[in-house]
Amino acid sequence: MIKTFLILSFIIYLAVESHAATPVNRPNISKDGEIVTVHGESHVMFVGDGNWIEAAASQMLTAGDTLKTGSQGRMELLFFDGVQIKMHHKTTLLIREIAKEKKAMTLSLKVGEVWSRAKSTPDGLKVQTPSATAAIRGTDWDIVVDDNGTSYL
């Protein structure tokens, strides 16, 4: 009985792993960030492309890319300046602008929730929402945009 359970568990594991997304090679972009982990339904739309694809860990990100998570999805991102972002379920986030030389980044949170941590206070991190723009000056923050576009920091 236990042997059968272990064999079935292994087969299910292999089936799930074989469907895991792999990162898309993007040799001509500036690596501004990266998807660190993906859980559940999570997608990315690359700048200049109108198609959503399944998000993959280790996927390089750049300004103009948009990420979204489904009802059971979550993603963790890491940017060039060490800013970590955790996207909660039902979240859409656009990497609007990256200026590495100025250590500045502008994100646009359309809906959902993001939590972030930075090793030090970011120099020029802004998060735009439908109702406000937040200039981040701390090392830990959480922003929520509800379905009506109301923002909470």
C-alpha atoms as a PDB file:
ATOM      1  CA  MET A   1       0.000   0.000   0.000  1.00  0.00           C
ATOM      2  CA  ILE A   2       2.749   2.469   0.958  1.00  0.00           C
ATOM      3  CA  LYS A   3       4.816   1.428  -2.050  1.00  0.00           C
ATOM      4  CA  THR A   4       1.856   2.106  -4.368  1.00  0.00           C
ATOM      5  CA  PHE A   5       1.303   5.508  -2.740  1.00  0.00           C
ATOM      6  CA  LEU A   6       4.966   6.444  -3.189  1.00  0.00           C
ATOM      7  CA  ILE A   7       4.962   5.381  -6.841  1.00  0.00           C
ATOM      8  CA  LEU A   8       1.770   7.357  -7.551  1.00  0.00           C
ATOM      9  CA  SER A   9       3.169  10.385  -5.727  1.00  0.00           C
ATOM     10  CA  PHE A  10       6.336  10.238  -7.819  1.00  0.00           C
ATOM     11  CA  ILE A  11       4.347   9.965 -11.064  1.00  0.00           C
ATOM     12  CA  ILE A  12       2.225  12.984 -10.098  1.00  0.00           C
ATOM     13  CA  TYR A  13       5.376  14.922  -9.194  1.00  0.00           C
ATOM     14  CA  LEU A  14       6.921  14.144 -12.596  1.00  0.00           C
ATOM     15  CA  ALA A  15       3.727  15.179 -14.389  1.00  0.00           C
ATOM     16  CA  VAL A  16       3.632  18.527 -12.570  1.00  0.00           C
ATOM     17  CA  GLU A  17       7.344  19.182 -13.082  1.00  0.00           C
ATOM     18  CA  SER A  18       7.154  18.409 -16.782  1.00  0.00           C
ATOM     19  CA  HIS A  19       4.586  21.207 -17.196  1.00  0.00           C
ATOM     20  CA  ALA A  20       6.653  23.820 -15.353  1.00  0.00           C
ATOM     21  CA  ALA A  21       7.383  26.844 -17.511  1.00  0.00           C
ATOM     22  CA  THR A  22      10.921  27.541 -18.633  1.00  0.00           C
ATOM     23  CA  PRO A  23      12.385  31.040 -18.926  1.00  0.00           C
ATOM     24  CA  VAL A  24      12.330  32.697 -22.345  1.00  0.00           C
ATOM     25  CA  ASN A  25      15.776  33.645 -23.637  1.00  0.00           C
ATOM     26  CA  ARG A  26      15.870  37.430 -24.165  1.00  0.00           C
ATOM     27  CA  PRO A  27      19.480  38.229 -25.122  1.00  0.00           C
ATOM     28  CA  ASN A  28      18.821  41.780 -26.322  1.00  0.00           C
ATOM     29  CA  ILE A  29      17.257  43.206 -23.177  1.00  0.00           C
ATOM     30  CA  SER A  30      18.695  44.874 -20.120  1.00  0.00           C
ATOM     31  CA  LYS A  31      18.283  42.584 -17.116  1.00  0.00           C
ATOM     32  CA  ASP A  32      16.519  44.937 -14.710  1.00  0.00           C
ATOM     33  CA  GLY A  33      14.948  42.219 -12.603  1.00  0.00           C
ATOM     34  CA  GLU A  34      14.138  38.565 -12.370  1.00  0.00           C
ATOM     35  CA  ILE A  35      11.288  36.303 -11.329  1.00  0.00           C
ATOM     36  CA  VAL A  36      12.646  34.371  -8.363  1.00  0.00           C
ATOM     37  CA  THR A  37       9.713  32.067  -7.580  1.00  0.00           C
ATOM     38  CA  VAL A  38       6.353  31.272  -9.130  1.00  0.00           C
ATOM     39  CA  HIS A  39       3.428  29.637  -7.342  1.00  0.00           C
ATOM     40  CA  GLY A  40       0.136  28.800  -9.000  1.00  0.00           C
ATOM     41  CA  GLU A  41      -1.356  30.689 -11.930  1.00  0.00           C
ATOM     42  CA  SER A  42       1.132  33.429 -12.850  1.00  0.00           C
ATOM     43  CA  HIS A  43       1.834  35.097 -16.193  1.00  0.00           C
ATOM     44  CA  VAL A  44       4.108  37.643 -17.835  1.00  0.00           C
ATOM     45  CA  MET A  45       3.650  39.819 -20.926  1.00  0.00           C
ATOM     46  CA  PHE A  46       6.925  41.077 -22.364  1.00  0.00           C
ATOM     47  CA  VAL A  47       7.317  44.651 -23.590  1.00  0.00           C
ATOM     48  CA  GLY A  48       6.338  44.901 -27.246  1.00  0.00           C
ATOM     49  CA  ASP A  49       4.357  41.658 -27.136  1.00  0.00           C
ATOM     50  CA  GLY A  50       0.617  41.450 -26.548  1.00  0.00           C
ATOM     51  CA  ASN A  51       0.552  37.844 -25.357  1.00  0.00           C
ATOM     52  CA  TRP A  52       0.491  36.490 -21.831  1.00  0.00           C
ATOM     53  CA  ILE A  53       2.751  33.493 -21.236  1.00  0.00           C
ATOM     54  CA  GLU A  54       3.199  31.317 -18.188  1.00  0.00           C
ATOM     55  CA  ALA A  55       5.694  32.872 -15.793  1.00  0.00           C
ATOM     56  CA  ALA A  56       8.881  30.957 -15.001  1.00  0.00           C
ATOM     57  CA  ALA A  57      11.431  31.211 -12.228  1.00  0.00           C
ATOM     58  CA  SER A  58      14.725  32.772 -13.408  1.00  0.00           C
ATOM     59  CA  GLN A  59      12.908  34.762 -16.117  1.00  0.00           C
ATOM     60  CA  MET A  60      14.703  38.038 -16.869  1.00  0.00           C
ATOM     61  CA  LEU A  61      12.553  41.160 -16.665  1.00  0.00           C
ATOM     62  CA  THR A  62      12.950  44.653 -18.079  1.00  0.00           C
ATOM     63  CA  ALA A  63      11.054  47.946 -18.209  1.00  0.00           C
ATOM     64  CA  GLY A  64       7.739  47.536 -20.005  1.00  0.00           C
ATOM     65  CA  ASP A  65       7.099  43.963 -18.864  1.00  0.00           C
ATOM     66  CA  THR A  66       3.800  43.259 -17.084  1.00  0.00           C
ATOM     67  CA  LEU A  67       3.189  40.493 -14.561  1.00  0.00           C
ATOM     68  CA  LYS A  68      -0.077  39.114 -13.217  1.00  0.00           C
ATOM     69  CA  THR A  69      -1.153  36.427 -10.807  1.00  0.00           C
ATOM     70  CA  GLY A  70      -4.401  34.484 -10.796  1.00  0.00           C
ATOM     71  CA  SER A  71      -6.699  33.647  -7.914  1.00  0.00           C
ATOM     72  CA  GLN A  72      -4.212  31.097  -6.527  1.00  0.00           C
ATOM     73  CA  GLY A  73      -1.024  32.649  -7.915  1.00  0.00           C
ATOM     74  CA  ARG A  74       1.946  34.334  -6.263  1.00  0.00           C
ATOM     75  CA  MET A  75       5.317  35.528  -7.562  1.00  0.00           C
ATOM     76  CA  GLU A  76       8.491  36.834  -6.009  1.00  0.00           C
ATOM     77  CA  LEU A  77      10.682  39.290  -7.929  1.00  0.00           C
ATOM     78  CA  LEU A  78      14.191  40.649  -7.374  1.00  0.00           C
ATOM     79  CA  PHE A  79      15.374  43.877  -9.021  1.00  0.00           C
ATOM     80  CA  PHE A  80      18.835  45.202  -9.898  1.00  0.00           C
ATOM     81  CA  ASP A  81      19.011  47.376  -6.765  1.00  0.00           C
ATOM     82  CA  GLY A  82      18.174  44.535  -4.361  1.00  0.00           C
ATOM     83  CA  VAL A  83      14.478  45.444  -3.985  1.00  0.00           C
ATOM     84  CA  GLN A  84      12.437  42.287  -3.415  1.00  0.00           C
ATOM     85  CA  ILE A  85       8.746  42.244  -4.302  1.00  0.00           C
ATOM     86  CA  LYS A  86       6.151  39.623  -3.457  1.00  0.00           C
ATOM     87  CA  MET A  87       3.049  39.688  -5.625  1.00  0.00           C
ATOM     88  CA  HIS A  88      -0.069  38.301  -3.959  1.00  0.00           C
ATOM     89  CA  HIS A  89      -2.947  36.586  -5.777  1.00  0.00           C
ATOM     90  CA  LYS A  90      -5.053  38.549  -8.294  1.00  0.00           C
ATOM     91  CA  THR A  91      -2.344  41.172  -8.825  1.00  0.00           C
ATOM     92  CA  THR A  92      -1.242  42.996 -11.996  1.00  0.00           C
ATOM     93  CA  LEU A  93       2.066  44.880 -11.925  1.00  0.00           C
ATOM     94  CA  LEU A  94       3.789  46.801 -14.736  1.00  0.00           C
ATOM     95  CA  ILE A  95       7.516  47.590 -14.624  1.00  0.00           C
ATOM     96  CA  ARG A  96       7.038  51.081 -16.010  1.00  0.00           C
ATOM     97  CA  GLU A  97      10.550  52.541 -15.931  1.00  0.00           C
ATOM     98  CA  ILE A  98      14.063  51.586 -14.853  1.00  0.00           C
ATOM     99  CA  ALA A  99      16.944  54.053 -14.647  1.00  0.00           C
ATOM    100  CA  LYS A 100      19.908  52.110 -13.268  1.00  0.00           C
ATOM    101  CA  GLU A 101      22.297  55.071 -13.416  1.00  0.00           C
ATOM    102  CA  LYS A 102      19.927  57.016 -11.130  1.00  0.00           C
ATOM    103  CA  LYS A 103      19.022  53.924  -9.103  1.00  0.00           C
ATOM    104  CA  ALA A 104      15.392  54.723  -9.886  1.00  0.00           C
ATOM    105  CA  MET A 105      12.439  52.519 -10.681  1.00  0.00           C
ATOM    106  CA  THR A 106       8.750  53.188 -11.332  1.00  0.00           C
ATOM    107  CA  LEU A 107       6.212  50.400 -11.002  1.00  0.00           C
ATOM    108  CA  SER A 108       2.505  50.550 -11.782  1.00  0.00           C
ATOM    109  CA  LEU A 109       0.197  48.474  -9.596  1.00  0.00           C
ATOM    110  CA  LYS A 110      -3.087  48.111 -11.468  1.00  0.00           C
ATOM    111  CA  VAL A 111      -4.873  45.852  -8.968  1.00  0.00           C
ATOM    112  CA  GLY A 112      -3.934  43.503  -6.140  1.00  0.00           C
ATOM    113  CA  GLU A 113      -1.288  43.586  -3.450  1.00  0.00           C
ATOM    114  CA  VAL A 114       2.493  43.792  -3.407  1.00  0.00           C
ATOM    115  CA  TRP A 115       4.802  43.609  -0.432  1.00  0.00           C
ATOM    116  CA  SER A 116       8.400  44.690  -0.676  1.00  0.00           C
ATOM    117  CA  ARG A 117      11.648  44.777   1.212  1.00  0.00           C
ATOM    118  CA  ALA A 118      14.836  46.630   0.373  1.00  0.00           C
ATOM    119  CA  LYS A 119      18.255  46.251   2.000  1.00  0.00           C
ATOM    120  CA  SER A 120      18.468  50.022   2.248  1.00  0.00           C
ATOM    121  CA  THR A 121      16.063  52.866   1.579  1.00  0.00           C
ATOM    122  CA  PRO A 122      15.567  53.031  -2.201  1.00  0.00           C
ATOM    123  CA  ASP A 123      16.738  56.267  -3.828  1.00  0.00           C
ATOM    124  CA  GLY A 124      14.005  56.639  -6.406  1.00  0.00           C
ATOM    125  CA  LEU A 125      11.324  53.973  -6.104  1.00  0.00           C
ATOM    126  CA  LYS A 126       7.801  55.031  -7.092  1.00  0.00           C
ATOM    127  CA  VAL A 127       4.677  52.917  -7.250  1.00  0.00           C
ATOM    128  CA  GLN A 128       1.818  54.286  -9.321  1.00  0.00           C
ATOM    129  CA  THR A 129      -1.721  53.126  -8.613  1.00  0.00           C
ATOM    130  CA  PRO A 130      -5.038  54.162 -10.185  1.00  0.00           C
ATOM    131  CA  SER A 131      -5.631  56.651  -7.351  1.00  0.00           C
ATOM    132  CA  ALA A 132      -2.162  57.793  -6.205  1.00  0.00           C
ATOM    133  CA  THR A 133       1.596  57.605  -6.700  1.00  0.00           C
ATOM    134  CA  ALA A 134       3.683  56.513  -3.720  1.00  0.00           C
ATOM    135  CA  ALA A 135       7.313  57.596  -3.432  1.00  0.00           C
ATOM    136  CA  ILE A 136       8.789  54.818  -1.306  1.00  0.00           C
ATOM    137  CA  ARG A 137      11.164  55.975   1.431  1.00  0.00           C
ATOM    138  CA  GLY A 138      11.207  52.950   3.721  1.00  0.00           C
ATOM    139  CA  THR A 139      12.696  49.482   3.563  1.00  0.00           C
ATOM    140  CA  ASP A 140       9.435  47.519   4.062  1.00  0.00           C
ATOM    141  CA  TRP A 141       6.089  48.413   2.534  1.00  0.00           C
ATOM    142  CA  ASP A 142       2.823  46.929   1.381  1.00  0.00           C
ATOM    143  CA  ILE A 143       0.416  48.454  -1.145  1.00  0.00           C
ATOM    144  CA  VAL A 144      -3.070  47.204  -1.968  1.00  0.00           C
ATOM    145  CA  VAL A 145      -5.284  48.324  -4.853  1.00  0.00           C
ATOM    146  CA  ASP A 146      -8.815  46.991  -4.601  1.00  0.00           C
ATOM    147  CA  ASP A 147     -11.113  46.178  -7.529  1.00  0.00           C
ATOM    148  CA  ASN A 148     -12.502  49.752  -7.428  1.00  0.00           C
ATOM    149  CA  GLY A 149      -9.013  51.278  -7.820  1.00  0.00           C
ATOM    150  CA  THR A 150      -8.758  52.501  -4.217  1.00  0.00           C
ATOM    151  CA  SER A 151      -5.193  52.296  -2.894  1.00  0.00           C
ATOM    152  CA  TYR A 152      -4.003  51.462   0.627  1.00  0.00           C
ATOM    153  CA  LEU A 153      -0.410  51.810   1.845  1.00  0.00           C
END
